[in-house]
PDB file of N, CA and C in Angstrom:
ATOM      1  N   UNK A   1      28.748 -31.104  21.186  1.00  0.00           N
ATOM      2  CA  UNK A   1      28.408 -30.395  22.399  1.00  0.00           C
ATOM      3  C   UNK A   1      29.653 -30.370  23.273  1.00  0.00           C
ATOM      4  N   UNK A   2      29.994 -29.202  23.764  1.00  0.00           N
ATOM      5  CA  UNK A   2      31.138 -29.045  24.655  1.00  0.00           C
ATOM      6  C   UNK A   2      30.667 -28.401  25.948  1.00  0.00           C
ATOM      7  N   UNK A   3      30.921 -29.063  27.052  1.00  0.00           N
ATOM      8  CA  UNK A   3      30.599 -28.536  28.372  1.00  0.00           C
ATOM      9  C   UNK A   3      31.886 -28.041  29.004  1.00  0.00           C
ATOM     10  N   UNK A   4      31.831 -26.872  29.614  1.00  0.00           N
ATOM     11  CA  UNK A   4      32.991 -26.332  30.313  1.00  0.00           C
ATOM     12  C   UNK A   4      32.586 -26.085  31.758  1.00  0.00           C
ATOM     13  N   UNK A   5      33.313 -26.702  32.677  1.00  0.00           N
ATOM     14  CA  UNK A   5      33.066 -26.520  34.101  1.00  0.00           C
ATOM     15  C   UNK A   5      34.208 -25.698  34.670  1.00  0.00           C
ATOM     16  N   UNK A   6      33.902 -24.495  35.137  1.00  0.00           N
ATOM     17  CA  UNK A   6      34.885 -23.642  35.800  1.00  0.00           C
ATOM     18  C   UNK A   6      34.810 -23.972  37.292  1.00  0.00           C
ATOM     19  N   UNK A   7      35.740 -24.763  37.756  1.00  0.00           N
ATOM     20  CA  UNK A   7      35.728 -25.300  39.115  1.00  0.00           C
ATOM     21  C   UNK A   7      36.672 -24.506  40.001  1.00  0.00           C
ATOM     22  N   UNK A   8      36.093 -23.687  40.880  1.00  0.00           N
ATOM     23  CA  UNK A   8      36.926 -22.893  41.778  1.00  0.00           C
ATOM     24  C   UNK A   8      37.115 -23.570  43.134  1.00  0.00           C
ATOM     25  N   UNK A   9      36.589 -24.783  43.267  1.00  0.00           N
ATOM     26  CA  UNK A   9      36.819 -25.544  44.490  1.00  0.00           C
ATOM     27  C   UNK A   9      35.886 -25.210  45.641  1.00  0.00           C
ATOM     28  N   UNK A  10      34.947 -24.292  45.418  1.00  0.00           N
ATOM     29  CA  UNK A  10      34.050 -23.888  46.502  1.00  0.00           C
ATOM     30  C   UNK A  10      32.607 -23.809  46.047  1.00  0.00           C
ATOM     31  N   UNK A  11      31.711 -24.140  46.957  1.00  0.00           N
ATOM     32  CA  UNK A  11      30.295 -23.841  46.807  1.00  0.00           C
ATOM     33  C   UNK A  11      30.092 -22.583  47.674  1.00  0.00           C
ATOM     34  N   UNK A  12      28.874 -22.253  48.018  1.00  0.00           N
ATOM     35  CA  UNK A  12      28.688 -21.102  48.907  1.00  0.00           C
ATOM     36  C   UNK A  12      29.097 -21.516  50.316  1.00  0.00           C
ATOM     37  N   UNK A  13      30.097 -20.872  50.839  1.00  0.00           N
ATOM     38  CA  UNK A  13      30.558 -21.034  52.215  1.00  0.00           C
ATOM     39  C   UNK A  13      31.133 -22.397  52.575  1.00  0.00           C
ATOM     40  N   UNK A  14      31.457 -23.227  51.589  1.00  0.00           N
ATOM     41  CA  UNK A  14      32.005 -24.545  51.904  1.00  0.00           C
ATOM     42  C   UNK A  14      32.855 -25.042  50.726  1.00  0.00           C
ATOM     43  N   UNK A  15      33.904 -25.782  51.060  1.00  0.00           N
ATOM     44  CA  UNK A  15      34.724 -26.389  50.013  1.00  0.00           C
ATOM     45  C   UNK A  15      33.866 -27.374  49.222  1.00  0.00           C
ATOM     46  N   UNK A  16      34.078 -27.443  47.925  1.00  0.00           N
ATOM     47  CA  UNK A  16      33.316 -28.363  47.071  1.00  0.00           C
ATOM     48  C   UNK A  16      33.492 -29.805  47.529  1.00  0.00           C
ATOM     49  N   UNK A  17      34.684 -30.151  47.986  1.00  0.00           N
ATOM     50  CA  UNK A  17      34.924 -31.531  48.428  1.00  0.00           C
ATOM     51  C   UNK A  17      34.109 -31.902  49.659  1.00  0.00           C
ATOM     52  N   UNK A  18      33.662 -30.907  50.427  1.00  0.00           N
ATOM     53  CA  UNK A  18      32.810 -31.173  51.590  1.00  0.00           C
ATOM     54  C   UNK A  18      31.337 -31.266  51.204  1.00  0.00           C
ATOM     55  N   UNK A  19      30.991 -30.812  50.021  1.00  0.00           N
ATOM     56  CA  UNK A  19      29.595 -30.796  49.586  1.00  0.00           C
ATOM     57  C   UNK A  19      29.289 -31.840  48.512  1.00  0.00           C
ATOM     58  N   UNK A  20      30.272 -32.161  47.676  1.00  0.00           N
ATOM     59  CA  UNK A  20      30.055 -33.095  46.569  1.00  0.00           C
ATOM     60  C   UNK A  20      30.810 -34.397  46.835  1.00  0.00           C
ATOM     61  N   UNK A  21      30.276 -35.521  46.355  1.00  0.00           N
ATOM     62  CA  UNK A  21      30.949 -36.800  46.593  1.00  0.00           C
ATOM     63  C   UNK A  21      32.266 -36.958  45.824  1.00  0.00           C
ATOM     64  N   UNK A  22      32.431 -36.202  44.725  1.00  0.00           N
ATOM     65  CA  UNK A  22      33.648 -36.287  43.902  1.00  0.00           C
ATOM     66  C   UNK A  22      33.666 -35.095  42.957  1.00  0.00           C
ATOM     67  N   UNK A  23      34.824 -34.803  42.352  1.00  0.00           N
ATOM     68  CA  UNK A  23      34.874 -33.746  41.333  1.00  0.00           C
ATOM     69  C   UNK A  23      33.969 -34.103  40.150  1.00  0.00           C
ATOM     70  N   UNK A  24      33.426 -33.106  39.487  1.00  0.00           N
ATOM     71  CA  UNK A  24      32.487 -33.326  38.386  1.00  0.00           C
ATOM     72  C   UNK A  24      33.051 -34.245  37.312  1.00  0.00           C
ATOM     73  N   UNK A  25      34.331 -34.114  36.996  1.00  0.00           N
ATOM     74  CA  UNK A  25      34.916 -34.957  35.942  1.00  0.00           C
ATOM     75  C   UNK A  25      34.927 -36.430  36.337  1.00  0.00           C
ATOM     76  N   UNK A  26      34.906 -36.740  37.621  1.00  0.00           N
ATOM     77  CA  UNK A  26      34.821 -38.125  38.065  1.00  0.00           C
ATOM     78  C   UNK A  26      33.371 -38.596  38.116  1.00  0.00           C
ATOM     79  N   UNK A  27      32.461 -37.724  38.489  1.00  0.00           N
ATOM     80  CA  UNK A  27      31.052 -38.124  38.594  1.00  0.00           C
ATOM     81  C   UNK A  27      30.435 -38.438  37.237  1.00  0.00           C
ATOM     82  N   UNK A  28      30.949 -37.857  36.156  1.00  0.00           N
ATOM     83  CA  UNK A  28      30.372 -38.087  34.822  1.00  0.00           C
ATOM     84  C   UNK A  28      31.195 -39.074  34.000  1.00  0.00           C
ATOM     85  N   UNK A  29      32.189 -39.672  34.595  1.00  0.00           N
ATOM     86  CA  UNK A  29      33.092 -40.574  33.887  1.00  0.00           C
ATOM     87  C   UNK A  29      32.357 -41.714  33.183  1.00  0.00           C
ATOM     88  N   UNK A  30      31.240 -42.157  33.695  1.00  0.00           N
ATOM     89  CA  UNK A  30      30.518 -43.281  33.109  1.00  0.00           C
ATOM     90  C   UNK A  30      29.666 -42.954  31.894  1.00  0.00           C
ATOM     91  N   UNK A  31      29.559 -41.691  31.523  1.00  0.00           N
ATOM     92  CA  UNK A  31      28.756 -41.326  30.356  1.00  0.00           C
ATOM     93  C   UNK A  31      29.478 -41.775  29.091  1.00  0.00           C
ATOM     94  N   UNK A  32      28.864 -42.677  28.355  1.00  0.00           N
ATOM     95  CA  UNK A  32      29.464 -43.257  27.161  1.00  0.00           C
ATOM     96  C   UNK A  32      29.784 -42.173  26.123  1.00  0.00           C
ATOM     97  N   UNK A  33      31.003 -42.192  25.628  1.00  0.00           N
ATOM     98  CA  UNK A  33      31.405 -41.284  24.566  1.00  0.00           C
ATOM     99  C   UNK A  33      31.819 -39.892  25.015  1.00  0.00           C
ATOM    100  N   UNK A  34      31.744 -39.612  26.312  1.00  0.00           N
ATOM    101  CA  UNK A  34      32.097 -38.282  26.811  1.00  0.00           C
ATOM    102  C   UNK A  34      33.612 -38.170  26.966  1.00  0.00           C
ATOM    103  N   UNK A  35      34.214 -37.282  26.197  1.00  0.00           N
ATOM    104  CA  UNK A  35      35.654 -37.024  26.307  1.00  0.00           C
ATOM    105  C   UNK A  35      35.877 -35.999  27.410  1.00  0.00           C
ATOM    106  N   UNK A  36      36.653 -36.364  28.412  1.00  0.00           N
ATOM    107  CA  UNK A  36      36.901 -35.485  29.560  1.00  0.00           C
ATOM    108  C   UNK A  36      38.334 -34.986  29.516  1.00  0.00           C
ATOM    109  N   UNK A  37      38.495 -33.679  29.623  1.00  0.00           N
ATOM    110  CA  UNK A  37      39.814 -33.058  29.641  1.00  0.00           C
ATOM    111  C   UNK A  37      39.916 -32.191  30.884  1.00  0.00           C
ATOM    112  N   UNK A  38      40.989 -32.362  31.649  1.00  0.00           N
ATOM    113  CA  UNK A  38      41.252 -31.502  32.802  1.00  0.00           C
ATOM    114  C   UNK A  38      42.302 -30.488  32.384  1.00  0.00           C
ATOM    115  N   UNK A  39      42.109 -29.240  32.808  1.00  0.00           N
ATOM    116  CA  UNK A  39      43.032 -28.183  32.401  1.00  0.00           C
ATOM    117  C   UNK A  39      43.133 -27.129  33.504  1.00  0.00           C
ATOM    118  N   UNK A  40      44.272 -26.450  33.548  1.00  0.00           N
ATOM    119  CA  UNK A  40      44.455 -25.315  34.449  1.00  0.00           C
ATOM    120  C   UNK A  40      43.670 -24.147  33.861  1.00  0.00           C
ATOM    121  N   UNK A  41      42.532 -23.868  34.434  1.00  0.00           N
ATOM    122  CA  UNK A  41      41.659 -22.822  33.923  1.00  0.00           C
ATOM    123  C   UNK A  41      42.199 -21.419  34.098  1.00  0.00           C
ATOM    124  N   UNK A  42      43.295 -21.271  34.826  1.00  0.00           N
ATOM    125  CA  UNK A  42      43.901 -19.951  34.962  1.00  0.00           C
ATOM    126  C   UNK A  42      44.886 -19.680  33.828  1.00  0.00           C
ATOM    127  N   UNK A  43      45.115 -20.694  32.992  1.00  0.00           N
ATOM    128  CA  UNK A  43      46.016 -20.555  31.852  1.00  0.00           C
ATOM    129  C   UNK A  43      45.166 -20.369  30.593  1.00  0.00           C
ATOM    130  N   UNK A  44      44.965 -19.140  30.205  1.00  0.00           N
ATOM    131  CA  UNK A  44      44.104 -18.799  29.069  1.00  0.00           C
ATOM    132  C   UNK A  44      44.461 -19.599  27.821  1.00  0.00           C
ATOM    133  N   UNK A  45      45.736 -19.678  27.528  1.00  0.00           N
ATOM    134  CA  UNK A  45      46.170 -20.327  26.299  1.00  0.00           C
ATOM    135  C   UNK A  45      45.933 -21.840  26.341  1.00  0.00           C
ATOM    136  N   UNK A  46      46.106 -22.463  27.502  1.00  0.00           N
ATOM    137  CA  UNK A  46      45.842 -23.896  27.633  1.00  0.00           C
ATOM    138  C   UNK A  46      44.356 -24.185  27.441  1.00  0.00           C
ATOM    139  N   UNK A  47      43.501 -23.357  27.996  1.00  0.00           N
ATOM    140  CA  UNK A  47      42.057 -23.543  27.848  1.00  0.00           C
ATOM    141  C   UNK A  47      41.655 -23.368  26.395  1.00  0.00           C
ATOM    142  N   UNK A  48      42.169 -22.348  25.782  1.00  0.00           N
ATOM    143  CA  UNK A  48      41.839 -22.104  24.367  1.00  0.00           C
ATOM    144  C   UNK A  48      42.303 -23.267  23.489  1.00  0.00           C
ATOM    145  N   UNK A  49      43.499 -23.760  23.754  1.00  0.00           N
ATOM    146  CA  UNK A  49      44.046 -24.880  22.985  1.00  0.00           C
ATOM    147  C   UNK A  49      43.187 -26.131  23.171  1.00  0.00           C
ATOM    148  N   UNK A  50      42.847 -26.460  24.401  1.00  0.00           N
ATOM    149  CA  UNK A  50      42.039 -27.653  24.665  1.00  0.00           C
ATOM    150  C   UNK A  50      40.642 -27.520  24.067  1.00  0.00           C
ATOM    151  N   UNK A  51      40.065 -26.341  24.150  1.00  0.00           N
ATOM    152  CA  UNK A  51      38.734 -26.120  23.598  1.00  0.00           C
ATOM    153  C   UNK A  51      38.709 -26.281  22.099  1.00  0.00           C
ATOM    154  N   UNK A  52      39.760 -25.846  21.435  1.00  0.00           N
ATOM    155  CA  UNK A  52      39.809 -25.914  19.980  1.00  0.00           C
ATOM    156  C   UNK A  52      40.300 -27.271  19.476  1.00  0.00           C
ATOM    157  N   UNK A  53      41.183 -27.905  20.226  1.00  0.00           N
ATOM    158  CA  UNK A  53      41.856 -29.116  19.739  1.00  0.00           C
ATOM    159  C   UNK A  53      40.925 -30.261  19.383  1.00  0.00           C
ATOM    160  N   UNK A  54      40.076 -30.633  20.277  1.00  0.00           N
ATOM    161  CA  UNK A  54      39.276 -31.818  20.025  1.00  0.00           C
ATOM    162  C   UNK A  54      37.803 -31.571  19.866  1.00  0.00           C
ATOM    163  N   UNK A  55      37.395 -30.353  19.823  1.00  0.00           N
ATOM    164  CA  UNK A  55      35.969 -30.062  19.833  1.00  0.00           C
ATOM    165  C   UNK A  55      35.595 -29.121  18.690  1.00  0.00           C
ATOM    166  N   UNK A  56      36.054 -29.469  17.494  1.00  0.00           N
ATOM    167  CA  UNK A  56      35.684 -28.711  16.302  1.00  0.00           C
ATOM    168  C   UNK A  56      35.352 -29.719  15.196  1.00  0.00           C
ATOM    169  N   UNK A  57      34.603 -29.311  14.211  1.00  0.00           N
ATOM    170  CA  UNK A  57      34.270 -30.243  13.129  1.00  0.00           C
ATOM    171  C   UNK A  57      35.526 -30.844  12.513  1.00  0.00           C
ATOM    172  N   UNK A  58      35.514 -32.153  12.305  1.00  0.00           N
ATOM    173  CA  UNK A  58      36.654 -32.822  11.692  1.00  0.00           C
ATOM    174  C   UNK A  58      37.727 -33.244  12.674  1.00  0.00           C
ATOM    175  N   UNK A  59      37.548 -32.955  13.947  1.00  0.00           N
ATOM    176  CA  UNK A  59      38.550 -33.349  14.945  1.00  0.00           C
ATOM    177  C   UNK A  59      38.463 -34.853  15.191  1.00  0.00           C
ATOM    178  N   UNK A  60      39.487 -35.400  15.815  1.00  0.00           N
ATOM    179  CA  UNK A  60      39.520 -36.840  16.107  1.00  0.00           C
ATOM    180  C   UNK A  60      38.387 -37.253  17.040  1.00  0.00           C
ATOM    181  N   UNK A  61      38.085 -36.436  18.025  1.00  0.00           N
ATOM    182  CA  UNK A  61      37.051 -36.794  18.994  1.00  0.00           C
ATOM    183  C   UNK A  61      35.672 -36.656  18.375  1.00  0.00           C
ATOM    184  N   UNK A  62      34.833 -37.615  18.664  1.00  0.00           N
ATOM    185  CA  UNK A  62      33.445 -37.544  18.227  1.00  0.00           C
ATOM    186  C   UNK A  62      32.586 -37.650  19.467  1.00  0.00           C
ATOM    187  N   UNK A  63      31.496 -36.962  19.481  1.00  0.00           N
ATOM    188  CA  UNK A  63      30.610 -36.990  20.638  1.00  0.00           C
ATOM    189  C   UNK A  63      30.879 -35.814  21.550  1.00  0.00           C
ATOM    190  N   UNK A  64      30.200 -35.801  22.683  1.00  0.00           N
ATOM    191  CA  UNK A  64      30.306 -34.658  23.592  1.00  0.00           C
ATOM    192  C   UNK A  64      31.646 -34.626  24.320  1.00  0.00           C
ATOM    193  N   UNK A  65      32.003 -33.440  24.778  1.00  0.00           N
ATOM    194  CA  UNK A  65      33.229 -33.270  25.542  1.00  0.00           C
ATOM    195  C   UNK A  65      32.984 -32.433  26.770  1.00  0.00           C
ATOM    196  N   UNK A  66      33.802 -32.648  27.781  1.00  0.00           N
ATOM    197  CA  UNK A  66      33.735 -31.858  29.008  1.00  0.00           C
ATOM    198  C   UNK A  66      35.133 -31.369  29.330  1.00  0.00           C
ATOM    199  N   UNK A  67      35.273 -30.079  29.493  1.00  0.00           N
ATOM    200  CA  UNK A  67      36.536 -29.502  29.956  1.00  0.00           C
ATOM    201  C   UNK A  67      36.344 -29.137  31.416  1.00  0.00           C
ATOM    202  N   UNK A  68      37.139 -29.753  32.280  1.00  0.00           N
ATOM    203  CA  UNK A  68      37.104 -29.481  33.720  1.00  0.00           C
ATOM    204  C   UNK A  68      38.258 -28.531  34.009  1.00  0.00           C
ATOM    205  N   UNK A  69      37.939 -27.250  34.139  1.00  0.00           N
ATOM    206  CA  UNK A  69      38.948 -26.209  34.320  1.00  0.00           C
ATOM    207  C   UNK A  69      39.031 -25.788  35.780  1.00  0.00           C
ATOM    208  N   UNK A  70      40.196 -25.988  36.382  1.00  0.00           N
ATOM    209  CA  UNK A  70      40.416 -25.522  37.751  1.00  0.00           C
ATOM    210  C   UNK A  70      40.736 -24.028  37.695  1.00  0.00           C
ATOM    211  N   UNK A  71      39.952 -23.226  38.392  1.00  0.00           N
ATOM    212  CA  UNK A  71      40.100 -21.778  38.367  1.00  0.00           C
ATOM    213  C   UNK A  71      40.174 -21.226  39.786  1.00  0.00           C
ATOM    214  N   UNK A  72      40.467 -19.968  39.904  1.00  0.00           N
ATOM    215  CA  UNK A  72      40.468 -19.309  41.210  1.00  0.00           C
ATOM    216  C   UNK A  72      39.110 -18.637  41.426  1.00  0.00           C
ATOM    217  N   UNK A  73      38.868 -18.256  42.648  1.00  0.00           N
ATOM    218  CA  UNK A  73      37.666 -17.487  42.958  1.00  0.00           C
ATOM    219  C   UNK A  73      38.121 -16.257  43.747  1.00  0.00           C
ATOM    220  N   UNK A  74      38.456 -15.187  43.043  1.00  0.00           N
ATOM    221  CA  UNK A  74      39.025 -14.019  43.715  1.00  0.00           C
ATOM    222  C   UNK A  74      38.027 -13.212  44.548  1.00  0.00           C
ATOM    223  N   UNK A  75      36.743 -13.468  44.372  1.00  0.00           N
ATOM    224  CA  UNK A  75      35.735 -12.701  45.109  1.00  0.00           C
ATOM    225  C   UNK A  75      34.744 -13.646  45.762  1.00  0.00           C
ATOM    226  N   UNK A  76      34.015 -13.158  46.719  1.00  0.00           N
ATOM    227  CA  UNK A  76      32.979 -13.947  47.378  1.00  0.00           C
ATOM    228  C   UNK A  76      31.905 -14.335  46.368  1.00  0.00           C
ATOM    229  N   UNK A  77      31.178 -15.392  46.692  1.00  0.00           N
ATOM    230  CA  UNK A  77      30.151 -15.916  45.796  1.00  0.00           C
ATOM    231  C   UNK A  77      29.036 -14.908  45.533  1.00  0.00           C
ATOM    232  N   UNK A  78      28.668 -14.168  46.560  1.00  0.00           N
ATOM    233  CA  UNK A  78      27.600 -13.172  46.431  1.00  0.00           C
ATOM    234  C   UNK A  78      27.813 -12.082  47.474  1.00  0.00           C
ATOM    235  N   UNK A  79      26.972 -11.072  47.446  1.00  0.00           N
ATOM    236  CA  UNK A  79      27.078  -9.981  48.417  1.00  0.00           C
ATOM    237  C   UNK A  79      26.809 -10.472  49.838  1.00  0.00           C
ATOM    238  N   UNK A  80      26.038 -11.548  49.968  1.00  0.00           N
ATOM    239  CA  UNK A  80      25.709 -12.089  51.283  1.00  0.00           C
ATOM    240  C   UNK A  80      26.791 -13.045  51.800  1.00  0.00           C
ATOM    241  N   UNK A  81      27.793 -13.325  50.990  1.00  0.00           N
ATOM    242  CA  UNK A  81      28.830 -14.293  51.323  1.00  0.00           C
ATOM    243  C   UNK A  81      30.141 -13.567  51.596  1.00  0.00           C
ATOM    244  N   UNK A  82      30.792 -13.915  52.679  1.00  0.00           N
ATOM    245  CA  UNK A  82      32.108 -13.354  52.971  1.00  0.00           C
ATOM    246  C   UNK A  82      33.108 -14.506  53.055  1.00  0.00           C
ATOM    247  N   UNK A  83      33.819 -14.745  51.952  1.00  0.00           N
ATOM    248  CA  UNK A  83      34.704 -15.900  51.908  1.00  0.00           C
ATOM    249  C   UNK A  83      35.855 -15.810  52.901  1.00  0.00           C
ATOM    250  N   UNK A  84      36.139 -14.641  53.408  1.00  0.00           N
ATOM    251  CA  UNK A  84      37.205 -14.515  54.402  1.00  0.00           C
ATOM    252  C   UNK A  84      36.841 -15.242  55.705  1.00  0.00           C
ATOM    253  N   UNK A  85      35.569 -15.591  55.883  1.00  0.00           N
ATOM    254  CA  UNK A  85      35.138 -16.323  57.080  1.00  0.00           C
ATOM    255  C   UNK A  85      35.472 -17.816  57.002  1.00  0.00           C
ATOM    256  N   UNK A  86      35.611 -18.365  55.803  1.00  0.00           N
ATOM    257  CA  UNK A  86      35.830 -19.803  55.680  1.00  0.00           C
ATOM    258  C   UNK A  86      37.020 -20.183  54.795  1.00  0.00           C
ATOM    259  N   UNK A  87      37.710 -19.202  54.234  1.00  0.00           N
ATOM    260  CA  UNK A  87      38.903 -19.499  53.442  1.00  0.00           C
ATOM    261  C   UNK A  87      40.125 -18.933  54.153  1.00  0.00           C
ATOM    262  N   UNK A  88      41.192 -19.703  54.223  1.00  0.00           N
ATOM    263  CA  UNK A  88      42.400 -19.211  54.886  1.00  0.00           C
ATOM    264  C   UNK A  88      42.948 -17.956  54.187  1.00  0.00           C
ATOM    265  N   UNK A  89      43.431 -17.027  54.985  1.00  0.00           N
ATOM    266  CA  UNK A  89      43.984 -15.777  54.456  1.00  0.00           C
ATOM    267  C   UNK A  89      45.098 -16.045  53.446  1.00  0.00           C
ATOM    268  N   UNK A  90      45.954 -17.035  53.740  1.00  0.00           N
ATOM    269  CA  UNK A  90      47.069 -17.372  52.852  1.00  0.00           C
ATOM    270  C   UNK A  90      46.561 -17.809  51.476  1.00  0.00           C
ATOM    271  N   UNK A  91      45.470 -18.559  51.458  1.00  0.00           N
ATOM    272  CA  UNK A  91      44.902 -19.024  50.189  1.00  0.00           C
ATOM    273  C   UNK A  91      44.378 -17.849  49.369  1.00  0.00           C
ATOM    274  N   UNK A  92      43.714 -16.916  50.021  1.00  0.00           N
ATOM    275  CA  UNK A  92      43.198 -15.733  49.325  1.00  0.00           C
ATOM    276  C   UNK A  92      44.334 -14.879  48.774  1.00  0.00           C
ATOM    277  N   UNK A  93      45.390 -14.720  49.553  1.00  0.00           N
ATOM    278  CA  UNK A  93      46.547 -13.944  49.091  1.00  0.00           C
ATOM    279  C   UNK A  93      47.240 -14.627  47.918  1.00  0.00           C
ATOM    280  N   UNK A  94      47.360 -15.950  47.988  1.00  0.00           N
ATOM    281  CA  UNK A  94      47.991 -16.710  46.903  1.00  0.00           C
ATOM    282  C   UNK A  94      47.191 -16.573  45.603  1.00  0.00           C
ATOM    283  N   UNK A  95      45.871 -16.659  45.690  1.00  0.00           N
ATOM    284  CA  UNK A  95      45.044 -16.507  44.500  1.00  0.00           C
ATOM    285  C   UNK A  95      45.131 -15.095  43.935  1.00  0.00           C
ATOM    286  N   UNK A  96      45.174 -14.102  44.801  1.00  0.00           N
ATOM    287  CA  UNK A  96      45.283 -12.718  44.343  1.00  0.00           C
ATOM    288  C   UNK A  96      46.622 -12.501  43.634  1.00  0.00           C
ATOM    289  N   UNK A  97      47.692 -13.088  44.171  1.00  0.00           N
ATOM    290  CA  UNK A  97      49.008 -12.960  43.545  1.00  0.00           C
ATOM    291  C   UNK A  97      49.028 -13.674  42.198  1.00  0.00           C
ATOM    292  N   UNK A  98      48.444 -14.855  42.138  1.00  0.00           N
ATOM    293  CA  UNK A  98      48.386 -15.596  40.872  1.00  0.00           C
ATOM    294  C   UNK A  98      47.603 -14.801  39.827  1.00  0.00           C
ATOM    295  N   UNK A  99      46.547 -14.162  40.247  1.00  0.00           N
ATOM    296  CA  UNK A  99      45.723 -13.366  39.335  1.00  0.00           C
ATOM    297  C   UNK A  99      46.530 -12.199  38.756  1.00  0.00           C
ATOM    298  N   UNK A 100      47.347 -11.562  39.596  1.00  0.00           N
ATOM    299  CA  UNK A 100      48.161 -10.432  39.136  1.00  0.00           C
ATOM    300  C   UNK A 100      49.288 -10.861  38.214  1.00  0.00           C
ATOM    301  N   UNK A 101      49.802 -12.083  38.406  1.00  0.00           N
ATOM    302  CA  UNK A 101      50.980 -12.502  37.643  1.00  0.00           C
ATOM    303  C   UNK A 101      50.656 -13.563  36.587  1.00  0.00           C
ATOM    304  N   UNK A 102      49.397 -13.691  36.213  1.00  0.00           N
ATOM    305  CA  UNK A 102      49.031 -14.738  35.241  1.00  0.00           C
ATOM    306  C   UNK A 102      49.687 -14.478  33.891  1.00  0.00           C
ATOM    307  N   UNK A 103      49.844 -15.564  33.129  1.00  0.00           N
ATOM    308  CA  UNK A 103      50.497 -15.455  31.824  1.00  0.00           C
ATOM    309  C   UNK A 103      49.704 -14.547  30.882  1.00  0.00           C
ATOM    310  N   UNK A 104      48.394 -14.504  31.012  1.00  0.00           N
ATOM    311  CA  UNK A 104      47.569 -13.662  30.148  1.00  0.00           C
ATOM    312  C   UNK A 104      47.846 -12.191  30.434  1.00  0.00           C
ATOM    313  N   UNK A 105      47.837 -11.805  31.705  1.00  0.00           N
ATOM    314  CA  UNK A 105      48.022 -10.390  32.031  1.00  0.00           C
ATOM    315  C   UNK A 105      49.450  -9.928  31.771  1.00  0.00           C
ATOM    316  N   UNK A 106      50.431 -10.823  31.894  1.00  0.00           N
ATOM    317  CA  UNK A 106      51.815 -10.396  31.663  1.00  0.00           C
ATOM    318  C   UNK A 106      52.197 -10.428  30.201  1.00  0.00           C
ATOM    319  N   UNK A 107      51.424 -11.153  29.374  1.00  0.00           N
ATOM    320  CA  UNK A 107      51.778 -11.221  27.953  1.00  0.00           C
ATOM    321  C   UNK A 107      51.014 -10.217  27.119  1.00  0.00           C
ATOM    322  N   UNK A 108      50.093  -9.500  27.694  1.00  0.00           N
ATOM    323  CA  UNK A 108      49.293  -8.537  26.920  1.00  0.00           C
ATOM    324  C   UNK A 108      49.716  -7.114  27.198  1.00  0.00           C
TER     325      UNK A 108
END
């Protein structure tokens, strides 16, 4: 079993750190046998590599795995949510620029 958490750092209208006691990869650390991997979720190739490396039949890891992927959130959570009200303009611009210049979009 492989769990993938796409963590954009926000819940609806609030930073995840203001709503959750800790990042998901820390909250599940006590689950016996759970292999936890943190990865830059904006790097397509890194995610693909981590997903395939230890979570296929015959791999070294046995038992469940969790990939904690840090990703961007280029759009509001829903039509009723306007992230420009609670996210700094600079942060939104930085994420938009990263999205345009990602390794996936420039290599294809």
